[in-house]
Amino acid sequence: MKDANLGSQAAATAPDPPRLVGDLAVWLIILAELLTFGIFFLSYAFARALNVALFNASQSTLDLNSGTVNTVLLITGSWCVVRAVQAVKRDASVVGARWLMAALACGSGFAVIKLMEFSTKTAAGIDLSTTTFYMFYFLLTAFHFFHVLAAMVFLTILLIKTLAGRYGSHDVHALETGAAFWHMVDLLWIVLFPLIYVMR
């Protein structure tokens, strides 16, 4: 009898089994997106190896400062999303909503800087057909740009629902799912930035 009581107490205090954070369907989408970008990155690396001089010359026309600022913005946005999830888990929904607003501000800053960069290039007569480098530049950065916009839409929906009190310590599943998607977007830029802007 004593052993049975000890066993039930141990079961009650045992840590929860590990679980997948977020929604499985979104994780499958994330994996598919990572695979797609991986193919793009490998194609870029292969094309660059065939014409290093052209790629170096074209890369030198990019604004490294704006790329660096955008990197800081996305990483900061990821940190804000983490803080938002942590706050909501403590039932501090208002604080969590503020962190989501901060993440959206970072995403907006990224979008504005990237649109300015695109505008500068097109105004100079540079487009997909200018060089092989610029074909990859526009394809990769524009594809990533639309992922940033999608992540911002996702966070905006989560923000509205957080302000409405839909989430808390009882339910952060959707918030964790949104955070996972945002972190994917951040991770892709962390690879894309040195590949396109820095590597010589």
Protein backbone atom coordinates (compact mmCIF):
# COMPACT_ATOMS: atom_id res chain seq x y z
CA MET A 1 0.00 0.00 0.00
CA LYS A 2 2.84 2.33 0.91
CA ASP A 3 4.60 1.52 -2.36
CA ALA A 4 1.41 2.27 -4.28
CA ASN A 5 1.13 5.68 -2.59
CA LEU A 6 4.76 6.46 -3.37
CA GLY A 7 4.19 5.47 -6.98
CA SER A 8 1.14 7.72 -7.34
CA GLN A 9 3.02 10.65 -5.76
CA ALA A 10 5.94 10.15 -8.13
CA ALA A 11 3.56 10.08 -11.09
CA ALA A 12 1.91 13.28 -9.90
CA THR A 13 5.23 15.11 -9.59
CA ALA A 14 6.79 13.72 -12.77
CA PRO A 15 7.60 16.38 -15.37
CA ASP A 16 5.29 16.71 -18.35
CA PRO A 17 6.44 14.71 -21.37
CA PRO A 18 8.12 16.77 -24.09
CA ARG A 19 5.72 18.19 -26.66
CA LEU A 20 5.96 19.94 -30.00
CA VAL A 21 5.60 23.68 -29.46
CA GLY A 22 3.00 25.06 -31.83
CA ASP A 23 0.84 23.43 -34.46
CA LEU A 24 2.08 20.37 -36.37
CA ALA A 25 0.62 21.60 -39.67
CA VAL A 26 2.53 24.88 -39.38
CA TRP A 27 5.72 22.96 -38.57
CA LEU A 28 5.24 20.99 -41.79
CA ILE A 29 4.86 24.28 -43.65
CA ILE A 30 8.01 25.58 -41.96
CA LEU A 31 9.95 22.48 -43.01
CA ALA A 32 8.69 22.85 -46.58
CA GLU A 33 9.72 26.52 -46.62
CA LEU A 34 13.17 25.71 -45.24
CA LEU A 35 13.60 23.06 -47.94
CA THR A 36 12.54 25.52 -50.66
CA PHE A 37 14.92 28.21 -49.45
CA GLY A 38 17.65 25.59 -49.07
CA ILE A 39 17.32 24.74 -52.78
CA PHE A 40 17.47 28.45 -53.63
CA PHE A 41 20.57 28.92 -51.46
CA LEU A 42 22.35 25.97 -53.07
CA SER A 43 21.45 27.25 -56.55
CA TYR A 44 22.82 30.67 -55.64
CA ALA A 45 26.07 29.18 -54.31
CA PHE A 46 26.49 27.10 -57.47
CA ALA A 47 25.86 30.08 -59.77
CA ARG A 48 28.23 32.23 -57.74
CA ALA A 49 31.01 29.64 -58.01
CA LEU A 50 30.71 29.84 -61.81
CA ASN A 51 31.16 33.62 -61.92
CA VAL A 52 32.72 34.92 -58.71
CA ALA A 53 33.92 38.21 -60.22
CA LEU A 54 30.45 39.16 -61.47
CA PHE A 55 28.82 38.29 -58.16
CA ASN A 56 31.43 40.24 -56.18
CA ALA A 57 30.99 43.31 -58.38
CA SER A 58 27.21 43.17 -58.09
CA GLN A 59 27.31 42.56 -54.33
CA SER A 60 29.43 45.66 -53.86
CA THR A 61 26.46 47.77 -55.04
CA LEU A 62 24.26 46.59 -52.16
CA ASP A 63 23.79 48.69 -49.03
CA LEU A 64 25.42 46.63 -46.29
CA ASN A 65 24.22 49.06 -43.62
CA SER A 66 20.54 48.57 -44.46
CA GLY A 67 21.05 44.81 -44.52
CA THR A 68 22.69 44.98 -41.09
CA VAL A 69 19.89 47.13 -39.65
CA ASN A 70 17.32 44.70 -41.03
CA THR A 71 19.17 41.81 -39.39
CA VAL A 72 19.06 43.59 -36.03
CA LEU A 73 15.35 44.36 -36.53
CA LEU A 74 14.39 40.74 -37.21
CA ILE A 75 16.48 39.35 -34.34
CA THR A 76 14.99 41.97 -32.01
CA GLY A 77 11.54 41.05 -33.31
CA SER A 78 12.17 37.41 -32.43
CA TRP A 79 13.21 38.40 -28.91
CA CYS A 80 10.00 40.44 -28.55
CA VAL A 81 7.90 37.47 -29.68
CA VAL A 82 9.58 35.24 -27.08
CA ARG A 83 8.84 37.83 -24.38
CA ALA A 84 5.22 38.03 -25.57
CA VAL A 85 4.72 34.27 -25.22
CA GLN A 86 6.36 34.28 -21.79
CA ALA A 87 4.14 37.14 -20.61
CA VAL A 88 0.94 35.52 -21.80
CA LYS A 89 1.93 32.27 -20.09
CA ARG A 90 1.97 34.30 -16.86
CA ASP A 91 -1.51 35.65 -17.71
CA ALA A 92 -0.01 39.08 -18.35
CA SER A 93 -1.92 39.53 -21.61
CA VAL A 94 -1.52 43.31 -21.77
CA VAL A 95 2.25 42.99 -21.43
CA GLY A 96 2.25 40.20 -24.02
CA ALA A 97 0.28 42.39 -26.41
CA ARG A 98 2.84 45.18 -26.02
CA TRP A 99 5.65 42.79 -26.90
CA LEU A 100 3.71 41.68 -29.98
CA MET A 101 3.32 45.34 -30.97
CA ALA A 102 7.08 45.78 -30.57
CA ALA A 103 7.69 42.74 -32.80
CA LEU A 104 5.31 44.18 -35.41
CA ALA A 105 7.17 47.50 -35.23
CA CYS A 106 10.42 45.64 -35.96
CA GLY A 107 8.78 43.84 -38.87
CA SER A 108 7.42 47.13 -40.21
CA GLY A 109 10.88 48.69 -40.00
CA PHE A 110 12.31 45.76 -41.94
CA ALA A 111 9.61 46.09 -44.62
CA VAL A 112 10.15 49.84 -45.06
CA ILE A 113 13.92 49.49 -45.40
CA LYS A 114 13.56 46.61 -47.83
CA LEU A 115 11.04 48.51 -49.99
CA MET A 116 13.41 51.50 -50.07
CA GLU A 117 16.21 49.17 -51.20
CA PHE A 118 14.03 47.66 -53.94
CA SER A 119 12.98 51.15 -55.04
CA THR A 120 16.58 52.35 -55.26
CA LYS A 121 17.56 49.38 -57.40
CA THR A 122 14.62 49.66 -59.80
CA ALA A 123 15.14 53.43 -60.11
CA ALA A 124 18.70 52.68 -61.22
CA GLY A 125 17.35 50.40 -63.94
CA ILE A 126 18.33 47.20 -62.14
CA ASP A 127 15.95 44.26 -62.37
CA LEU A 128 15.85 40.47 -62.58
CA SER A 129 17.45 40.46 -66.03
CA THR A 130 20.40 42.74 -65.21
CA THR A 131 22.78 40.00 -64.07
CA THR A 132 22.54 36.49 -62.68
CA PHE A 133 23.35 37.91 -59.25
CA TYR A 134 20.44 40.35 -59.38
CA MET A 135 18.11 37.61 -60.54
CA PHE A 136 18.92 35.72 -57.33
CA TYR A 137 18.94 38.91 -55.27
CA PHE A 138 15.40 39.88 -56.26
CA LEU A 139 14.02 36.34 -56.13
CA LEU A 140 15.47 35.50 -52.71
CA THR A 141 14.92 38.81 -50.96
CA ALA A 142 11.43 39.35 -52.42
CA PHE A 143 10.40 35.79 -51.52
CA HIS A 144 11.67 36.37 -47.99
CA PHE A 145 9.98 39.80 -47.89
CA PHE A 146 6.58 38.21 -48.53
CA HIS A 147 7.27 35.73 -45.71
CA VAL A 148 7.91 38.69 -43.39
CA LEU A 149 4.56 40.18 -44.43
CA ALA A 150 2.81 36.84 -43.83
CA ALA A 151 4.41 36.59 -40.37
CA MET A 152 3.23 40.14 -39.58
CA VAL A 153 -0.34 39.26 -40.59
CA PHE A 154 -0.11 36.21 -38.32
CA LEU A 155 1.18 38.33 -35.41
CA THR A 156 -1.51 40.98 -35.98
CA ILE A 157 -4.25 38.35 -35.67
CA LEU A 158 -2.59 37.01 -32.52
CA LEU A 159 -2.31 40.53 -31.12
CA ILE A 160 -6.03 41.18 -31.62
CA LYS A 161 -6.94 37.91 -29.93
CA THR A 162 -4.47 38.51 -27.10
CA LEU A 163 -6.03 41.91 -26.41
CA ALA A 164 -9.42 40.20 -26.41
CA GLY A 165 -8.23 37.85 -23.66
CA ARG A 166 -8.32 34.70 -25.77
CA TYR A 167 -4.92 33.51 -24.61
CA GLY A 168 -3.38 32.97 -21.19
CA SER A 169 -1.78 30.31 -19.04
CA HIS A 170 -4.64 28.02 -20.12
CA ASP A 171 -3.84 28.36 -23.84
CA VAL A 172 -0.76 29.70 -25.65
CA HIS A 173 -0.83 27.16 -28.49
CA ALA A 174 -1.61 29.68 -31.24
CA LEU A 175 0.96 32.14 -29.90
CA GLU A 176 3.65 29.45 -29.90
CA THR A 177 2.69 28.58 -33.46
CA GLY A 178 3.01 32.20 -34.56
CA ALA A 179 6.33 32.48 -32.74
CA ALA A 180 7.65 29.40 -34.56
CA PHE A 181 6.76 30.92 -37.93
CA TRP A 182 8.37 34.25 -37.04
CA HIS A 183 11.55 32.50 -35.90
CA MET A 184 11.69 30.66 -39.23
CA VAL A 185 11.55 33.98 -41.08
CA ASP A 186 14.31 35.30 -38.81
CA LEU A 187 16.47 32.20 -39.35
CA LEU A 188 16.13 32.45 -43.13
CA TRP A 189 17.32 36.06 -43.09
CA ILE A 190 20.28 35.15 -40.87
CA VAL A 191 21.39 32.79 -43.64
CA LEU A 192 20.34 35.04 -46.53
CA PHE A 193 22.03 38.22 -45.27
CA PRO A 194 25.64 36.96 -45.21
CA LEU A 195 25.08 34.91 -48.37
CA ILE A 196 23.79 37.82 -50.45
CA TYR A 197 25.30 40.89 -48.77
CA VAL A 198 28.54 39.83 -47.09
CA MET A 199 30.18 36.77 -48.63
CA ARG A 200 32.92 37.58 -51.12
